[in-house]
Amino acid sequence: MMTDIQLYTKLADLPTELKKRVSDYIDSLIVKEQSANNTKKRKAGLAKGLINMKDNFNDPIEGFENYL
């Protein structure tokens, strides 16, 4: 793993345009990490009891007998 000093030395040797690109990339990594941490995990079972299946759900539908 690279130390902060080693990273800074590499960064200091870059031309200005590349430093800007590195800075933009670091900013995008920070935003990506923050959005990943803010994503809430879904909890199973929250819709339980909201959907009811009819007893005849699997019965053939009238008019569609010939398509099976």
PDB file of N, CA and C in Angstrom:
ATOM      1  N   MET A   1       0.844  -1.183   0.000  1.00  0.00           N
ATOM      2  CA  MET A   1       0.000   0.000   0.000  1.00  0.00           C
ATOM      3  C   MET A   1       0.886   1.242   0.000  1.00  0.00           C
ATOM      4  N   MET A   2       0.435   2.231  -0.714  1.00  0.00           N
ATOM      5  CA  MET A   2       1.182   3.470  -0.855  1.00  0.00           C
ATOM      6  C   MET A   2       0.906   4.399   0.335  1.00  0.00           C
ATOM      7  N   THR A   3       1.948   5.018   0.844  1.00  0.00           N
ATOM      8  CA  THR A   3       1.770   5.966   1.950  1.00  0.00           C
ATOM      9  C   THR A   3       1.294   7.303   1.397  1.00  0.00           C
ATOM     10  N   ASP A   4       0.808   8.157   2.265  1.00  0.00           N
ATOM     11  CA  ASP A   4       0.367   9.491   1.861  1.00  0.00           C
ATOM     12  C   ASP A   4       1.512  10.294   1.256  1.00  0.00           C
ATOM     13  N   ILE A   5       2.698  10.130   1.814  1.00  0.00           N
ATOM     14  CA  ILE A   5       3.874  10.862   1.311  1.00  0.00           C
ATOM     15  C   ILE A   5       4.198  10.419  -0.116  1.00  0.00           C
ATOM     16  N   GLN A   6       4.172   9.103  -0.353  1.00  0.00           N
ATOM     17  CA  GLN A   6       4.441   8.591  -1.692  1.00  0.00           C
ATOM     18  C   GLN A   6       3.395   9.083  -2.692  1.00  0.00           C
ATOM     19  N   LEU A   7       2.151   9.069  -2.272  1.00  0.00           N
ATOM     20  CA  LEU A   7       1.081   9.541  -3.141  1.00  0.00           C
ATOM     21  C   LEU A   7       1.237  11.035  -3.431  1.00  0.00           C
ATOM     22  N   TYR A   8       1.526  11.812  -2.415  1.00  0.00           N
ATOM     23  CA  TYR A   8       1.714  13.246  -2.601  1.00  0.00           C
ATOM     24  C   TYR A   8       2.894  13.523  -3.541  1.00  0.00           C
ATOM     25  N   THR A   9       3.967  12.770  -3.410  1.00  0.00           N
ATOM     26  CA  THR A   9       5.136  12.955  -4.269  1.00  0.00           C
ATOM     27  C   THR A   9       4.779  12.687  -5.726  1.00  0.00           C
ATOM     28  N   LYS A  10       4.042  11.619  -5.973  1.00  0.00           N
ATOM     29  CA  LYS A  10       3.606  11.331  -7.337  1.00  0.00           C
ATOM     30  C   LYS A  10       2.712  12.447  -7.862  1.00  0.00           C
ATOM     31  N   LEU A  11       1.791  12.901  -7.019  1.00  0.00           N
ATOM     32  CA  LEU A  11       0.864  13.957  -7.420  1.00  0.00           C
ATOM     33  C   LEU A  11       1.606  15.265  -7.715  1.00  0.00           C
ATOM     34  N   ALA A  12       2.593  15.590  -6.904  1.00  0.00           N
ATOM     35  CA  ALA A  12       3.346  16.833  -7.068  1.00  0.00           C
ATOM     36  C   ALA A  12       4.127  16.843  -8.384  1.00  0.00           C
ATOM     37  N   ASP A  13       4.503  15.689  -8.890  1.00  0.00           N
ATOM     38  CA  ASP A  13       5.269  15.608 -10.135  1.00  0.00           C
ATOM     39  C   ASP A  13       4.401  15.684 -11.388  1.00  0.00           C
ATOM     40  N   LEU A  14       3.094  15.623 -11.242  1.00  0.00           N
ATOM     41  CA  LEU A  14       2.203  15.642 -12.403  1.00  0.00           C
ATOM     42  C   LEU A  14       2.043  17.048 -12.979  1.00  0.00           C
ATOM     43  N   PRO A  15       1.795  17.129 -14.279  1.00  0.00           N
ATOM     44  CA  PRO A  15       1.461  18.424 -14.870  1.00  0.00           C
ATOM     45  C   PRO A  15       0.095  18.908 -14.346  1.00  0.00           C
ATOM     46  N   THR A  16      -0.167  20.192 -14.464  1.00  0.00           N
ATOM     47  CA  THR A  16      -1.380  20.803 -13.904  1.00  0.00           C
ATOM     48  C   THR A  16      -2.651  20.136 -14.416  1.00  0.00           C
ATOM     49  N   GLU A  17      -2.723  19.853 -15.704  1.00  0.00           N
ATOM     50  CA  GLU A  17      -3.935  19.240 -16.268  1.00  0.00           C
ATOM     51  C   GLU A  17      -4.198  17.861 -15.668  1.00  0.00           C
ATOM     52  N   LEU A  18      -3.160  17.079 -15.468  1.00  0.00           N
ATOM     53  CA  LEU A  18      -3.342  15.754 -14.854  1.00  0.00           C
ATOM     54  C   LEU A  18      -3.719  15.874 -13.388  1.00  0.00           C
ATOM     55  N   LYS A  19      -3.194  16.874 -12.696  1.00  0.00           N
ATOM     56  CA  LYS A  19      -3.591  17.107 -11.299  1.00  0.00           C
ATOM     57  C   LYS A  19      -5.088  17.393 -11.229  1.00  0.00           C
ATOM     58  N   LYS A  20      -5.605  18.159 -12.186  1.00  0.00           N
ATOM     59  CA  LYS A  20      -7.042  18.465 -12.223  1.00  0.00           C
ATOM     60  C   LYS A  20      -7.844  17.189 -12.434  1.00  0.00           C
ATOM     61  N   ARG A  21      -7.368  16.330 -13.341  1.00  0.00           N
ATOM     62  CA  ARG A  21      -8.071  15.071 -13.584  1.00  0.00           C
ATOM     63  C   ARG A  21      -8.054  14.174 -12.352  1.00  0.00           C
ATOM     64  N   VAL A  22      -6.927  14.128 -11.651  1.00  0.00           N
ATOM     65  CA  VAL A  22      -6.833  13.335 -10.420  1.00  0.00           C
ATOM     66  C   VAL A  22      -7.796  13.889  -9.374  1.00  0.00           C
ATOM     67  N   SER A  23      -7.840  15.202  -9.254  1.00  0.00           N
ATOM     68  CA  SER A  23      -8.746  15.840  -8.297  1.00  0.00           C
ATOM     69  C   SER A  23     -10.203  15.517  -8.621  1.00  0.00           C
ATOM     70  N   ASP A  24     -10.563  15.598  -9.902  1.00  0.00           N
ATOM     71  CA  ASP A  24     -11.929  15.266 -10.316  1.00  0.00           C
ATOM     72  C   ASP A  24     -12.257  13.802 -10.015  1.00  0.00           C
ATOM     73  N   TYR A  25     -11.287  12.926 -10.238  1.00  0.00           N
ATOM     74  CA  TYR A  25     -11.502  11.509  -9.968  1.00  0.00           C
ATOM     75  C   TYR A  25     -11.703  11.263  -8.470  1.00  0.00           C
ATOM     76  N   ILE A  26     -10.900  11.919  -7.656  1.00  0.00           N
ATOM     77  CA  ILE A  26     -11.048  11.781  -6.199  1.00  0.00           C
ATOM     78  C   ILE A  26     -12.431  12.259  -5.767  1.00  0.00           C
ATOM     79  N   ASP A  27     -12.873  13.397  -6.332  1.00  0.00           N
ATOM     80  CA  ASP A  27     -14.208  13.906  -6.011  1.00  0.00           C
ATOM     81  C   ASP A  27     -15.286  12.899  -6.396  1.00  0.00           C
ATOM     82  N   SER A  28     -15.142  12.259  -7.569  1.00  0.00           N
ATOM     83  CA  SER A  28     -16.146  11.275  -7.986  1.00  0.00           C
ATOM     84  C   SER A  28     -16.145  10.056  -7.070  1.00  0.00           C
ATOM     85  N   LEU A  29     -14.975   9.660  -6.593  1.00  0.00           N
ATOM     86  CA  LEU A  29     -14.904   8.538  -5.642  1.00  0.00           C
ATOM     87  C   LEU A  29     -15.607   8.878  -4.334  1.00  0.00           C
ATOM     88  N   ILE A  30     -15.426  10.107  -3.867  1.00  0.00           N
ATOM     89  CA  ILE A  30     -16.059  10.542  -2.622  1.00  0.00           C
ATOM     90  C   ILE A  30     -17.573  10.535  -2.773  1.00  0.00           C
ATOM     91  N   VAL A  31     -18.080  11.075  -3.883  1.00  0.00           N
ATOM     92  CA  VAL A  31     -19.524  11.105  -4.117  1.00  0.00           C
ATOM     93  C   VAL A  31     -20.077   9.689  -4.209  1.00  0.00           C
ATOM     94  N   LYS A  32     -19.368   8.816  -4.918  1.00  0.00           N
ATOM     95  CA  LYS A  32     -19.807   7.426  -5.057  1.00  0.00           C
ATOM     96  C   LYS A  32     -19.864   6.733  -3.700  1.00  0.00           C
ATOM     97  N   GLU A  33     -18.864   6.942  -2.876  1.00  0.00           N
ATOM     98  CA  GLU A  33     -18.819   6.323  -1.546  1.00  0.00           C
ATOM     99  C   GLU A  33     -19.937   6.851  -0.659  1.00  0.00           C
ATOM    100  N   GLN A  34     -20.184   8.156  -0.719  1.00  0.00           N
ATOM    101  CA  GLN A  34     -21.242   8.749   0.094  1.00  0.00           C
ATOM    102  C   GLN A  34     -22.613   8.231  -0.324  1.00  0.00           C
ATOM    103  N   SER A  35     -22.841   8.116  -1.630  1.00  0.00           N
ATOM    104  CA  SER A  35     -24.140   7.622  -2.085  1.00  0.00           C
ATOM    105  C   SER A  35     -24.311   6.141  -1.742  1.00  0.00           C
ATOM    106  N   ALA A  36     -23.226   5.385  -1.754  1.00  0.00           N
ATOM    107  CA  ALA A  36     -23.311   3.967  -1.384  1.00  0.00           C
ATOM    108  C   ALA A  36     -23.635   3.816   0.101  1.00  0.00           C
ATOM    109  N   ASN A  37     -23.101   4.705   0.914  1.00  0.00           N
ATOM    110  CA  ASN A  37     -23.355   4.627   2.356  1.00  0.00           C
ATOM    111  C   ASN A  37     -24.748   5.117   2.713  1.00  0.00           C
ATOM    112  N   ASN A  38     -25.336   5.970   1.876  1.00  0.00           N
ATOM    113  CA  ASN A  38     -26.655   6.517   2.164  1.00  0.00           C
ATOM    114  C   ASN A  38     -27.783   5.627   1.667  1.00  0.00           C
ATOM    115  N   THR A  39     -27.458   4.611   0.899  1.00  0.00           N
ATOM    116  CA  THR A  39     -28.473   3.716   0.371  1.00  0.00           C
ATOM    117  C   THR A  39     -28.984   2.830   1.493  1.00  0.00           C
ATOM    118  N   LYS A  40     -30.291   2.874   1.680  1.00  0.00           N
ATOM    119  CA  LYS A  40     -30.883   2.056   2.733  1.00  0.00           C
ATOM    120  C   LYS A  40     -31.134   0.651   2.206  1.00  0.00           C
ATOM    121  N   LYS A  41     -30.905  -0.317   3.032  1.00  0.00           N
ATOM    122  CA  LYS A  41     -31.162  -1.701   2.672  1.00  0.00           C
ATOM    123  C   LYS A  41     -32.673  -1.944   2.742  1.00  0.00           C
ATOM    124  N   ARG A  42     -33.171  -2.681   1.752  1.00  0.00           N
ATOM    125  CA  ARG A  42     -34.591  -3.006   1.763  1.00  0.00           C
ATOM    126  C   ARG A  42     -34.870  -4.069   2.819  1.00  0.00           C
ATOM    127  N   LYS A  43     -36.024  -3.959   3.425  1.00  0.00           N
ATOM    128  CA  LYS A  43     -36.404  -4.910   4.461  1.00  0.00           C
ATOM    129  C   LYS A  43     -37.515  -5.807   3.925  1.00  0.00           C
ATOM    130  N   ALA A  44     -37.322  -7.096   4.011  1.00  0.00           N
ATOM    131  CA  ALA A  44     -38.302  -8.049   3.511  1.00  0.00           C
ATOM    132  C   ALA A  44     -39.561  -8.037   4.364  1.00  0.00           C
ATOM    133  N   GLY A  45     -40.701  -8.212   3.711  1.00  0.00           N
ATOM    134  CA  GLY A  45     -41.960  -8.369   4.424  1.00  0.00           C
ATOM    135  C   GLY A  45     -42.731  -7.093   4.674  1.00  0.00           C
ATOM    136  N   LEU A  46     -42.283  -5.946   4.174  1.00  0.00           N
ATOM    137  CA  LEU A  46     -42.987  -4.696   4.436  1.00  0.00           C
ATOM    138  C   LEU A  46     -44.353  -4.634   3.750  1.00  0.00           C
ATOM    139  N   ALA A  47     -44.536  -5.359   2.654  1.00  0.00           N
ATOM    140  CA  ALA A  47     -45.810  -5.350   1.942  1.00  0.00           C
ATOM    141  C   ALA A  47     -46.705  -6.533   2.331  1.00  0.00           C
ATOM    142  N   LYS A  48     -46.307  -7.265   3.336  1.00  0.00           N
ATOM    143  CA  LYS A  48     -47.072  -8.438   3.742  1.00  0.00           C
ATOM    144  C   LYS A  48     -48.496  -8.027   4.115  1.00  0.00           C
ATOM    145  N   GLY A  49     -49.457  -8.750   3.542  1.00  0.00           N
ATOM    146  CA  GLY A  49     -50.861  -8.473   3.827  1.00  0.00           C
ATOM    147  C   GLY A  49     -51.475  -7.428   2.899  1.00  0.00           C
ATOM    148  N   LEU A  50     -50.689  -6.777   2.059  1.00  0.00           N
ATOM    149  CA  LEU A  50     -51.223  -5.763   1.148  1.00  0.00           C
ATOM    150  C   LEU A  50     -51.724  -6.357  -0.161  1.00  0.00           C
ATOM    151  N   ILE A  51     -51.273  -7.554  -0.506  1.00  0.00           N
ATOM    152  CA  ILE A  51     -51.658  -8.200  -1.756  1.00  0.00           C
ATOM    153  C   ILE A  51     -52.377  -9.497  -1.421  1.00  0.00           C
ATOM    154  N   ASN A  52     -53.571  -9.643  -1.979  1.00  0.00           N
ATOM    155  CA  ASN A  52     -54.366 -10.843  -1.732  1.00  0.00           C
ATOM    156  C   ASN A  52     -54.577 -11.578  -3.049  1.00  0.00           C
ATOM    157  N   MET A  53     -54.329 -12.852  -3.061  1.00  0.00           N
ATOM    158  CA  MET A  53     -54.548 -13.682  -4.244  1.00  0.00           C
ATOM    159  C   MET A  53     -55.934 -14.315  -4.124  1.00  0.00           C
ATOM    160  N   LYS A  54     -56.668 -14.288  -5.211  1.00  0.00           N
ATOM    161  CA  LYS A  54     -57.989 -14.918  -5.247  1.00  0.00           C
ATOM    162  C   LYS A  54     -57.815 -16.431  -5.245  1.00  0.00           C
ATOM    163  N   ASP A  55     -58.808 -17.116  -4.714  1.00  0.00           N
ATOM    164  CA  ASP A  55     -58.757 -18.576  -4.665  1.00  0.00           C
ATOM    165  C   ASP A  55     -58.713 -19.189  -6.069  1.00  0.00           C
ATOM    166  N   ASN A  56     -59.307 -18.505  -7.045  1.00  0.00           N
ATOM    167  CA  ASN A  56     -59.368 -19.045  -8.405  1.00  0.00           C
ATOM    168  C   ASN A  56     -58.256 -18.474  -9.295  1.00  0.00           C
ATOM    169  N   PHE A  57     -57.177 -18.029  -8.733  1.00  0.00           N
ATOM    170  CA  PHE A  57     -56.094 -17.390  -9.487  1.00  0.00           C
ATOM    171  C   PHE A  57     -55.547 -18.284 -10.597  1.00  0.00           C
ATOM    172  N   ASN A  58     -55.395 -19.559 -10.344  1.00  0.00           N
ATOM    173  CA  ASN A  58     -54.810 -20.486 -11.322  1.00  0.00           C
ATOM    174  C   ASN A  58     -55.832 -21.123 -12.253  1.00  0.00           C
ATOM    175  N   ASP A  59     -57.106 -20.780 -12.100  1.00  0.00           N
ATOM    176  CA  ASP A  59     -58.129 -21.328 -12.987  1.00  0.00           C
ATOM    177  C   ASP A  59     -57.955 -20.761 -14.392  1.00  0.00           C
ATOM    178  N   PRO A  60     -58.336 -21.551 -15.412  1.00  0.00           N
ATOM    179  CA  PRO A  60     -58.226 -21.054 -16.790  1.00  0.00           C
ATOM    180  C   PRO A  60     -59.096 -19.809 -16.986  1.00  0.00           C
ATOM    181  N   ILE A  61     -58.648 -18.910 -17.848  1.00  0.00           N
ATOM    182  CA  ILE A  61     -59.398 -17.694 -18.144  1.00  0.00           C
ATOM    183  C   ILE A  61     -60.300 -17.981 -19.330  1.00  0.00           C
ATOM    184  N   GLU A  62     -61.557 -17.611 -19.186  1.00  0.00           N
ATOM    185  CA  GLU A  62     -62.532 -17.858 -20.234  1.00  0.00           C
ATOM    186  C   GLU A  62     -62.111 -17.135 -21.509  1.00  0.00           C
ATOM    187  N   GLY A  63     -62.114 -17.875 -22.641  1.00  0.00           N
ATOM    188  CA  GLY A  63     -61.745 -17.284 -23.918  1.00  0.00           C
ATOM    189  C   GLY A  63     -60.293 -17.549 -24.295  1.00  0.00           C
ATOM    190  N   PHE A  64     -59.469 -18.030 -23.369  1.00  0.00           N
ATOM    191  CA  PHE A  64     -58.068 -18.301 -23.650  1.00  0.00           C
ATOM    192  C   PHE A  64     -57.732 -19.780 -23.666  1.00  0.00           C
ATOM    193  N   GLU A  65     -58.753 -20.625 -23.697  1.00  0.00           N
ATOM    194  CA  GLU A  65     -58.524 -22.062 -23.637  1.00  0.00           C
ATOM    195  C   GLU A  65     -57.724 -22.560 -24.839  1.00  0.00           C
ATOM    196  N   ASN A  66     -57.917 -21.961 -26.011  1.00  0.00           N
ATOM    197  CA  ASN A  66     -57.274 -22.434 -27.239  1.00  0.00           C
ATOM    198  C   ASN A  66     -55.811 -22.004 -27.327  1.00  0.00           C
ATOM    199  N   TYR A  67     -55.355 -21.133 -26.472  1.00  0.00           N
ATOM    200  CA  TYR A  67     -53.974 -20.616 -26.552  1.00  0.00           C
ATOM    201  C   TYR A  67     -52.995 -21.390 -25.679  1.00  0.00           C
ATOM    202  N   LEU A  68     -53.441 -22.382 -24.973  1.00  0.00           N
ATOM    203  CA  LEU A  68     -52.548 -23.147 -24.125  1.00  0.00           C
ATOM    204  C   LEU A  68     -51.950 -24.271 -24.840  1.00  0.00           C
TER     205      LEU A  68
END
